[in-house]
Amino acid sequence: MGSSRQRAHVTWAEAAQRGSLAANAAAVEMGIQASRQGNHRDLRVT
């Protein structure tokens, strides 16, 4: 039972890590696109 509990915890941690990594990558991409277009104000408002 302890093993399955640990496994679930690891899966949840991995999912959270992957999610934050994906969100971080998306934010970086949006930031790069915005800076290329020169829309710094738009990025801050949104």
N, C-alpha and C. Protein backbone atom coordinates (compact mmCIF):
# COMPACT_ATOMS: atom_id res chain seq x y z
N MET A 1 0.84 -1.20 0.00
CA MET A 1 0.00 0.00 0.00
C MET A 1 0.87 1.26 0.00
N GLY A 2 1.95 1.20 0.77
CA GLY A 2 2.83 2.36 0.79
C GLY A 2 3.43 2.65 -0.57
N SER A 3 3.75 1.56 -1.30
CA SER A 3 4.35 1.75 -2.63
C SER A 3 3.39 2.46 -3.57
N SER A 4 2.14 2.00 -3.58
CA SER A 4 1.16 2.61 -4.48
C SER A 4 0.94 4.08 -4.09
N ARG A 5 1.00 4.35 -2.81
CA ARG A 5 0.83 5.75 -2.37
C ARG A 5 1.99 6.60 -2.89
N GLN A 6 3.21 6.08 -2.74
CA GLN A 6 4.37 6.81 -3.23
C GLN A 6 4.28 7.00 -4.73
N ARG A 7 3.84 5.95 -5.43
CA ARG A 7 3.75 6.02 -6.88
C ARG A 7 2.78 7.14 -7.29
N ALA A 8 1.64 7.20 -6.61
CA ALA A 8 0.65 8.23 -6.92
C ALA A 8 1.25 9.61 -6.67
N HIS A 9 1.99 9.73 -5.57
CA HIS A 9 2.60 11.03 -5.24
C HIS A 9 3.60 11.44 -6.32
N VAL A 10 4.41 10.49 -6.76
CA VAL A 10 5.40 10.79 -7.79
C VAL A 10 4.70 11.21 -9.08
N THR A 11 3.63 10.48 -9.43
CA THR A 11 2.89 10.82 -10.65
C THR A 11 2.34 12.24 -10.53
N TRP A 12 1.77 12.58 -9.37
CA TRP A 12 1.20 13.91 -9.18
C TRP A 12 2.32 14.96 -9.27
N ALA A 13 3.45 14.68 -8.65
CA ALA A 13 4.57 15.62 -8.69
C ALA A 13 5.06 15.80 -10.13
N GLU A 14 5.17 14.68 -10.85
CA GLU A 14 5.62 14.76 -12.23
C GLU A 14 4.64 15.59 -13.07
N ALA A 15 3.35 15.34 -12.86
CA ALA A 15 2.33 16.07 -13.61
C ALA A 15 2.42 17.57 -13.31
N ALA A 16 2.60 17.90 -12.04
CA ALA A 16 2.70 19.30 -11.64
C ALA A 16 3.95 19.94 -12.26
N GLN A 17 5.07 19.19 -12.22
CA GLN A 17 6.30 19.71 -12.79
C GLN A 17 6.16 19.93 -14.29
N ARG A 18 5.60 18.92 -14.98
CA ARG A 18 5.42 19.05 -16.42
C ARG A 18 4.50 20.21 -16.74
N GLY A 19 3.44 20.37 -15.95
CA GLY A 19 2.48 21.45 -16.19
C GLY A 19 3.15 22.81 -16.04
N SER A 20 3.94 22.99 -14.99
CA SER A 20 4.59 24.28 -14.77
C SER A 20 5.65 24.51 -15.84
N LEU A 21 6.31 23.44 -16.27
CA LEU A 21 7.32 23.60 -17.34
C LEU A 21 6.64 24.03 -18.63
N ALA A 22 5.50 23.41 -18.93
CA ALA A 22 4.77 23.76 -20.16
C ALA A 22 4.28 25.20 -20.07
N ALA A 23 3.76 25.60 -18.91
CA ALA A 23 3.26 26.96 -18.73
C ALA A 23 4.42 27.95 -18.86
N ASN A 24 5.57 27.59 -18.29
CA ASN A 24 6.75 28.46 -18.35
C ASN A 24 7.19 28.62 -19.80
N ALA A 25 7.23 27.51 -20.54
CA ALA A 25 7.64 27.56 -21.95
C ALA A 25 6.68 28.43 -22.75
N ALA A 26 5.37 28.28 -22.47
CA ALA A 26 4.37 29.08 -23.20
C ALA A 26 4.56 30.56 -22.88
N ALA A 27 4.81 30.88 -21.62
CA ALA A 27 5.01 32.28 -21.23
C ALA A 27 6.25 32.84 -21.90
N VAL A 28 7.31 32.06 -21.97
CA VAL A 28 8.54 32.51 -22.61
C VAL A 28 8.29 32.75 -24.09
N GLU A 29 7.59 31.81 -24.73
CA GLU A 29 7.28 31.98 -26.16
C GLU A 29 6.48 33.25 -26.39
N MET A 30 5.45 33.45 -25.56
CA MET A 30 4.61 34.65 -25.71
C MET A 30 5.45 35.90 -25.47
N GLY A 31 6.34 35.83 -24.49
CA GLY A 31 7.20 36.98 -24.20
C GLY A 31 8.11 37.30 -25.38
N ILE A 32 8.67 36.25 -26.01
CA ILE A 32 9.55 36.45 -27.16
C ILE A 32 8.77 37.08 -28.31
N GLN A 33 7.59 36.55 -28.58
CA GLN A 33 6.76 37.08 -29.66
C GLN A 33 6.39 38.53 -29.37
N ALA A 34 6.01 38.81 -28.13
CA ALA A 34 5.61 40.17 -27.76
C ALA A 34 6.79 41.14 -27.90
N SER A 35 7.97 40.71 -27.44
CA SER A 35 9.13 41.59 -27.52
C SER A 35 9.53 41.81 -28.97
N ARG A 36 9.35 40.80 -29.81
CA ARG A 36 9.66 40.95 -31.23
C ARG A 36 8.73 41.97 -31.87
N GLN A 37 7.47 41.96 -31.44
CA GLN A 37 6.50 42.90 -31.99
C GLN A 37 6.59 44.25 -31.27
N GLY A 38 7.25 44.25 -30.12
CA GLY A 38 7.38 45.50 -29.36
C GLY A 38 6.11 45.81 -28.58
N ASN A 39 5.35 44.78 -28.19
CA ASN A 39 4.11 45.00 -27.44
C ASN A 39 4.34 44.72 -25.96
N HIS A 40 5.23 45.48 -25.33
CA HIS A 40 5.50 45.25 -23.91
C HIS A 40 4.29 45.65 -23.07
N ARG A 41 3.60 46.72 -23.46
CA ARG A 41 2.43 47.18 -22.70
C ARG A 41 1.33 46.13 -22.77
N ASP A 42 1.11 45.56 -23.95
CA ASP A 42 0.09 44.53 -24.11
C ASP A 42 0.38 43.36 -23.18
N LEU A 43 1.63 42.94 -23.14
CA LEU A 43 2.01 41.78 -22.32
C LEU A 43 1.71 42.06 -20.85
N ARG A 44 1.99 43.27 -20.40
CA ARG A 44 1.75 43.59 -18.99
C ARG A 44 0.26 43.63 -18.69
N VAL A 45 -0.52 44.20 -19.58
CA VAL A 45 -1.97 44.29 -19.36
C VAL A 45 -2.58 42.90 -19.35
N THR A 46 -2.14 42.05 -20.28
CA THR A 46 -2.67 40.69 -20.36
C THR A 46 -1.92 39.81 -19.39
